[in-house]
Amino acid sequence: MNNNENKNSFTVINDQGMEIKCDVLFTFDSDETKKSYIVYTDNTKDKNGNIQVYASIFDPKNEYNPELLPIESEKEWKVIETILASLQEEIKAAGNNGNNN
């Protein structure tokens, strides 16, 4: 993973050797797993038209060349899914509040 000057995006090299720009959605530390996670997107869409979102483990101390590691345990995926679900609810609630004119 290569950091760009903008810390909200980075570039990865895919299996075909192509550079892909990814945007960081958020990072967080889990007290439960004692790891740091990054949630990001390459802004591609799935077959249903939804933006694809990815998550990986990373070491925030290695700021200049952080390595993205795969999430392999069901426990870790549950932590991430819970956070994504709560963020989605917050976004829906904020959107509904803006429609009450």
N, C-alpha and C. Protein backbone atom coordinates (compact mmCIF):
# COMPACT_ATOMS: atom_id res chain seq x y z
N MET A 1 0.86 -1.17 0.00
CA MET A 1 0.00 0.00 0.00
C MET A 1 0.90 1.23 0.00
N ASN A 2 0.63 2.13 -0.90
CA ASN A 2 1.38 3.39 -0.96
C ASN A 2 0.47 4.52 -0.54
N ASN A 3 0.94 5.33 0.41
CA ASN A 3 0.18 6.51 0.82
C ASN A 3 0.36 7.60 -0.20
N ASN A 4 -0.71 8.30 -0.49
CA ASN A 4 -0.63 9.53 -1.27
C ASN A 4 -0.45 10.66 -0.29
N GLU A 5 -0.26 11.87 -0.81
CA GLU A 5 -0.15 13.02 0.08
C GLU A 5 -1.41 13.18 0.91
N ASN A 6 -2.54 12.83 0.33
CA ASN A 6 -3.82 12.90 1.03
C ASN A 6 -3.96 11.63 1.85
N LYS A 7 -4.03 11.77 3.17
CA LYS A 7 -4.10 10.59 4.02
C LYS A 7 -5.44 9.89 3.94
N ASN A 8 -6.39 10.47 3.19
CA ASN A 8 -7.69 9.84 3.04
C ASN A 8 -7.76 8.93 1.83
N SER A 9 -6.64 8.73 1.16
CA SER A 9 -6.61 7.81 0.03
C SER A 9 -5.23 7.15 -0.05
N PHE A 10 -5.20 6.05 -0.75
CA PHE A 10 -3.95 5.32 -0.95
C PHE A 10 -4.07 4.51 -2.23
N THR A 11 -2.97 3.99 -2.70
CA THR A 11 -2.94 3.20 -3.92
C THR A 11 -2.48 1.79 -3.60
N VAL A 12 -3.18 0.81 -4.18
CA VAL A 12 -2.77 -0.59 -4.07
C VAL A 12 -2.50 -1.11 -5.47
N ILE A 13 -1.73 -2.17 -5.54
CA ILE A 13 -1.46 -2.84 -6.80
C ILE A 13 -2.25 -4.14 -6.81
N ASN A 14 -3.09 -4.33 -7.82
CA ASN A 14 -3.90 -5.55 -7.87
C ASN A 14 -3.10 -6.71 -8.45
N ASP A 15 -3.75 -7.86 -8.60
CA ASP A 15 -3.08 -9.07 -9.09
C ASP A 15 -2.55 -8.93 -10.52
N GLN A 16 -3.13 -8.02 -11.29
CA GLN A 16 -2.67 -7.80 -12.66
C GLN A 16 -1.61 -6.71 -12.75
N GLY A 17 -1.16 -6.19 -11.61
CA GLY A 17 -0.13 -5.17 -11.59
C GLY A 17 -0.63 -3.75 -11.83
N MET A 18 -1.96 -3.57 -11.82
CA MET A 18 -2.53 -2.24 -12.03
C MET A 18 -2.68 -1.51 -10.71
N GLU A 19 -2.41 -0.19 -10.74
CA GLU A 19 -2.60 0.64 -9.56
C GLU A 19 -4.08 0.97 -9.40
N ILE A 20 -4.58 0.83 -8.18
CA ILE A 20 -5.98 1.15 -7.90
C ILE A 20 -6.01 2.13 -6.74
N LYS A 21 -6.67 3.28 -6.96
CA LYS A 21 -6.80 4.28 -5.90
C LYS A 21 -7.95 3.87 -4.99
N CYS A 22 -7.69 3.90 -3.71
CA CYS A 22 -8.71 3.57 -2.71
C CYS A 22 -8.90 4.76 -1.78
N ASP A 23 -10.13 4.96 -1.36
CA ASP A 23 -10.45 6.02 -0.41
C ASP A 23 -10.71 5.41 0.96
N VAL A 24 -10.09 5.99 1.98
CA VAL A 24 -10.29 5.52 3.35
C VAL A 24 -11.64 6.04 3.84
N LEU A 25 -12.48 5.14 4.30
CA LEU A 25 -13.76 5.54 4.88
C LEU A 25 -13.59 5.86 6.36
N PHE A 26 -12.92 4.97 7.08
CA PHE A 26 -12.58 5.23 8.47
C PHE A 26 -11.61 4.16 8.96
N THR A 27 -10.96 4.46 10.08
CA THR A 27 -10.11 3.51 10.77
C THR A 27 -10.59 3.43 12.21
N PHE A 28 -10.31 2.33 12.86
CA PHE A 28 -10.67 2.21 14.27
C PHE A 28 -9.82 1.13 14.93
N ASP A 29 -9.71 1.26 16.24
CA ASP A 29 -9.02 0.27 17.08
C ASP A 29 -10.08 -0.50 17.84
N SER A 30 -9.89 -1.80 17.95
CA SER A 30 -10.84 -2.63 18.68
C SER A 30 -10.23 -3.04 20.01
N ASP A 31 -10.91 -2.68 21.10
CA ASP A 31 -10.47 -3.14 22.42
C ASP A 31 -10.64 -4.64 22.55
N GLU A 32 -11.64 -5.16 21.83
CA GLU A 32 -11.96 -6.58 21.91
C GLU A 32 -10.87 -7.45 21.28
N THR A 33 -10.37 -7.04 20.09
CA THR A 33 -9.37 -7.84 19.39
C THR A 33 -7.95 -7.31 19.57
N LYS A 34 -7.82 -6.07 20.08
CA LYS A 34 -6.52 -5.41 20.28
C LYS A 34 -5.80 -5.18 18.95
N LYS A 35 -6.57 -4.92 17.89
CA LYS A 35 -5.99 -4.65 16.57
C LYS A 35 -6.58 -3.36 16.01
N SER A 36 -5.91 -2.82 14.98
CA SER A 36 -6.40 -1.65 14.27
C SER A 36 -6.92 -2.09 12.92
N TYR A 37 -8.00 -1.44 12.48
CA TYR A 37 -8.64 -1.81 11.22
C TYR A 37 -8.81 -0.58 10.34
N ILE A 38 -8.81 -0.81 9.05
CA ILE A 38 -9.07 0.23 8.07
C ILE A 38 -10.22 -0.26 7.19
N VAL A 39 -11.19 0.61 6.97
CA VAL A 39 -12.31 0.32 6.09
C VAL A 39 -12.20 1.29 4.92
N TYR A 40 -12.23 0.76 3.70
CA TYR A 40 -11.95 1.57 2.53
C TYR A 40 -12.75 1.08 1.32
N THR A 41 -12.72 1.86 0.26
CA THR A 41 -13.41 1.50 -0.97
C THR A 41 -12.54 1.87 -2.17
N ASP A 42 -12.71 1.11 -3.24
CA ASP A 42 -12.07 1.48 -4.51
C ASP A 42 -13.10 2.13 -5.43
N ASN A 43 -14.28 2.42 -4.87
CA ASN A 43 -15.38 3.10 -5.56
C ASN A 43 -15.96 2.32 -6.73
N THR A 44 -15.74 1.01 -6.75
CA THR A 44 -16.41 0.17 -7.74
C THR A 44 -17.75 -0.27 -7.15
N LYS A 45 -18.64 -0.72 -8.02
CA LYS A 45 -19.96 -1.14 -7.57
C LYS A 45 -20.14 -2.63 -7.78
N ASP A 46 -20.92 -3.25 -6.87
CA ASP A 46 -21.24 -4.66 -7.02
C ASP A 46 -22.39 -4.81 -8.01
N LYS A 47 -22.85 -6.04 -8.22
CA LYS A 47 -23.90 -6.30 -9.22
C LYS A 47 -25.23 -5.63 -8.86
N ASN A 48 -25.41 -5.24 -7.59
CA ASN A 48 -26.63 -4.56 -7.17
C ASN A 48 -26.50 -3.03 -7.20
N GLY A 49 -25.34 -2.54 -7.63
CA GLY A 49 -25.14 -1.10 -7.72
C GLY A 49 -24.65 -0.46 -6.43
N ASN A 50 -24.29 -1.27 -5.44
CA ASN A 50 -23.77 -0.76 -4.18
C ASN A 50 -22.26 -0.58 -4.26
N ILE A 51 -21.75 0.50 -3.67
CA ILE A 51 -20.30 0.72 -3.62
C ILE A 51 -19.67 -0.40 -2.78
N GLN A 52 -18.61 -0.98 -3.31
CA GLN A 52 -17.94 -2.06 -2.60
C GLN A 52 -17.04 -1.47 -1.50
N VAL A 53 -17.13 -2.09 -0.33
CA VAL A 53 -16.36 -1.65 0.84
C VAL A 53 -15.51 -2.83 1.30
N TYR A 54 -14.28 -2.53 1.68
CA TYR A 54 -13.33 -3.55 2.12
C TYR A 54 -12.81 -3.19 3.50
N ALA A 55 -12.33 -4.19 4.22
CA ALA A 55 -11.73 -3.97 5.53
C ALA A 55 -10.47 -4.82 5.65
N SER A 56 -9.49 -4.27 6.34
CA SER A 56 -8.23 -4.98 6.57
C SER A 56 -7.68 -4.58 7.92
N ILE A 57 -6.76 -5.40 8.39
CA ILE A 57 -6.00 -5.08 9.60
C ILE A 57 -4.80 -4.26 9.15
N PHE A 58 -4.42 -3.26 9.94
CA PHE A 58 -3.21 -2.50 9.61
C PHE A 58 -2.55 -2.04 10.90
N ASP A 59 -1.29 -1.65 10.77
CA ASP A 59 -0.52 -1.13 11.90
C ASP A 59 -0.37 0.37 11.72
N PRO A 60 -1.11 1.18 12.51
CA PRO A 60 -1.04 2.63 12.32
C PRO A 60 0.32 3.24 12.63
N LYS A 61 1.18 2.51 13.33
CA LYS A 61 2.51 3.01 13.65
C LYS A 61 3.41 3.00 12.41
N ASN A 62 3.09 2.15 11.45
CA ASN A 62 3.86 2.05 10.22
C ASN A 62 3.21 2.96 9.18
N GLU A 63 3.26 4.26 9.42
CA GLU A 63 2.49 5.24 8.66
C GLU A 63 2.98 5.42 7.22
N TYR A 64 4.25 5.20 6.93
CA TYR A 64 4.76 5.48 5.59
C TYR A 64 4.61 4.32 4.63
N ASN A 65 4.47 3.12 5.10
CA ASN A 65 4.26 1.98 4.22
C ASN A 65 3.45 0.91 4.94
N PRO A 66 2.23 1.26 5.35
CA PRO A 66 1.44 0.28 6.09
C PRO A 66 1.05 -0.91 5.22
N GLU A 67 1.08 -2.06 5.81
CA GLU A 67 0.72 -3.28 5.12
C GLU A 67 -0.71 -3.64 5.51
N LEU A 68 -1.54 -3.93 4.51
CA LEU A 68 -2.91 -4.36 4.78
C LEU A 68 -2.91 -5.87 4.93
N LEU A 69 -3.42 -6.33 6.05
CA LEU A 69 -3.47 -7.76 6.33
C LEU A 69 -4.91 -8.24 6.29
N PRO A 70 -5.12 -9.48 5.84
CA PRO A 70 -6.49 -9.98 5.74
C PRO A 70 -7.11 -10.24 7.12
N ILE A 71 -8.41 -10.06 7.17
CA ILE A 71 -9.18 -10.38 8.37
C ILE A 71 -9.63 -11.82 8.20
N GLU A 72 -9.23 -12.66 9.14
CA GLU A 72 -9.47 -14.09 8.96
C GLU A 72 -10.41 -14.70 9.98
N SER A 73 -10.68 -14.01 11.08
CA SER A 73 -11.53 -14.64 12.09
C SER A 73 -12.96 -14.12 12.01
N GLU A 74 -13.90 -14.99 12.30
CA GLU A 74 -15.32 -14.62 12.31
C GLU A 74 -15.59 -13.55 13.36
N LYS A 75 -14.87 -13.62 14.47
CA LYS A 75 -15.03 -12.63 15.55
C LYS A 75 -14.71 -11.22 15.04
N GLU A 76 -13.61 -11.10 14.30
CA GLU A 76 -13.22 -9.80 13.76
C GLU A 76 -14.24 -9.29 12.76
N TRP A 77 -14.75 -10.16 11.89
CA TRP A 77 -15.76 -9.74 10.92
C TRP A 77 -17.02 -9.26 11.63
N LYS A 78 -17.39 -9.92 12.73
CA LYS A 78 -18.58 -9.50 13.49
C LYS A 78 -18.39 -8.10 14.05
N VAL A 79 -17.20 -7.79 14.57
CA VAL A 79 -16.90 -6.46 15.10
C VAL A 79 -17.07 -5.42 13.99
N ILE A 80 -16.51 -5.69 12.82
CA ILE A 80 -16.58 -4.75 11.70
C ILE A 80 -18.02 -4.61 11.20
N GLU A 81 -18.73 -5.72 11.07
CA GLU A 81 -20.12 -5.67 10.61
C GLU A 81 -21.00 -4.87 11.57
N THR A 82 -20.75 -5.00 12.85
CA THR A 82 -21.52 -4.25 13.85
C THR A 82 -21.28 -2.75 13.69
N ILE A 83 -20.03 -2.36 13.50
CA ILE A 83 -19.70 -0.95 13.33
C ILE A 83 -20.31 -0.41 12.03
N LEU A 84 -20.21 -1.17 10.95
CA LEU A 84 -20.78 -0.72 9.67
C LEU A 84 -22.30 -0.58 9.78
N ALA A 85 -22.95 -1.52 10.45
CA ALA A 85 -24.41 -1.45 10.61
C ALA A 85 -24.81 -0.23 11.43
N SER A 86 -24.07 0.07 12.50
CA SER A 86 -24.43 1.23 13.32
C SER A 86 -24.19 2.53 12.55
N LEU A 87 -23.12 2.60 11.74
CA LEU A 87 -22.88 3.78 10.92
C LEU A 87 -23.97 3.96 9.88
N GLN A 88 -24.42 2.87 9.30
CA GLN A 88 -25.48 2.92 8.30
C GLN A 88 -26.77 3.45 8.93
N GLU A 89 -27.06 3.02 10.15
CA GLU A 89 -28.25 3.51 10.86
C GLU A 89 -28.14 5.00 11.16
N GLU A 90 -26.94 5.44 11.56
CA GLU A 90 -26.73 6.87 11.83
C GLU A 90 -26.94 7.70 10.57
N ILE A 91 -26.45 7.21 9.44
CA ILE A 91 -26.60 7.93 8.18
C ILE A 91 -28.07 8.00 7.79
N LYS A 92 -28.78 6.88 7.93
CA LYS A 92 -30.23 6.88 7.62
C LYS A 92 -30.97 7.86 8.53
N ALA A 93 -30.66 7.85 9.82
CA ALA A 93 -31.33 8.74 10.77
C ALA A 93 -31.03 10.20 10.43
N ALA A 94 -29.80 10.51 10.09
CA ALA A 94 -29.43 11.88 9.72
C ALA A 94 -30.18 12.30 8.45
N GLY A 95 -30.31 11.39 7.50
CA GLY A 95 -31.02 11.69 6.27
C GLY A 95 -32.50 11.93 6.51
N ASN A 96 -33.08 11.16 7.41
CA ASN A 96 -34.50 11.33 7.73
C ASN A 96 -34.75 12.64 8.48
N ASN A 97 -33.83 13.05 9.32
CA ASN A 97 -33.98 14.30 10.06
C ASN A 97 -33.97 15.50 9.12
N GLY A 98 -33.23 15.40 8.05
CA GLY A 98 -33.16 16.50 7.10
C GLY A 98 -34.40 16.62 6.23
N ASN A 99 -35.26 15.61 6.22
CA ASN A 99 -36.44 15.63 5.37
C ASN A 99 -37.68 16.12 6.11
N ASN A 100 -37.57 16.51 7.35
CA ASN A 100 -38.73 16.93 8.13
C ASN A 100 -38.92 18.44 8.02
N ASN A 101 -39.44 18.91 6.90
CA ASN A 101 -39.65 20.35 6.72
C ASN A 101 -41.07 20.71 7.06
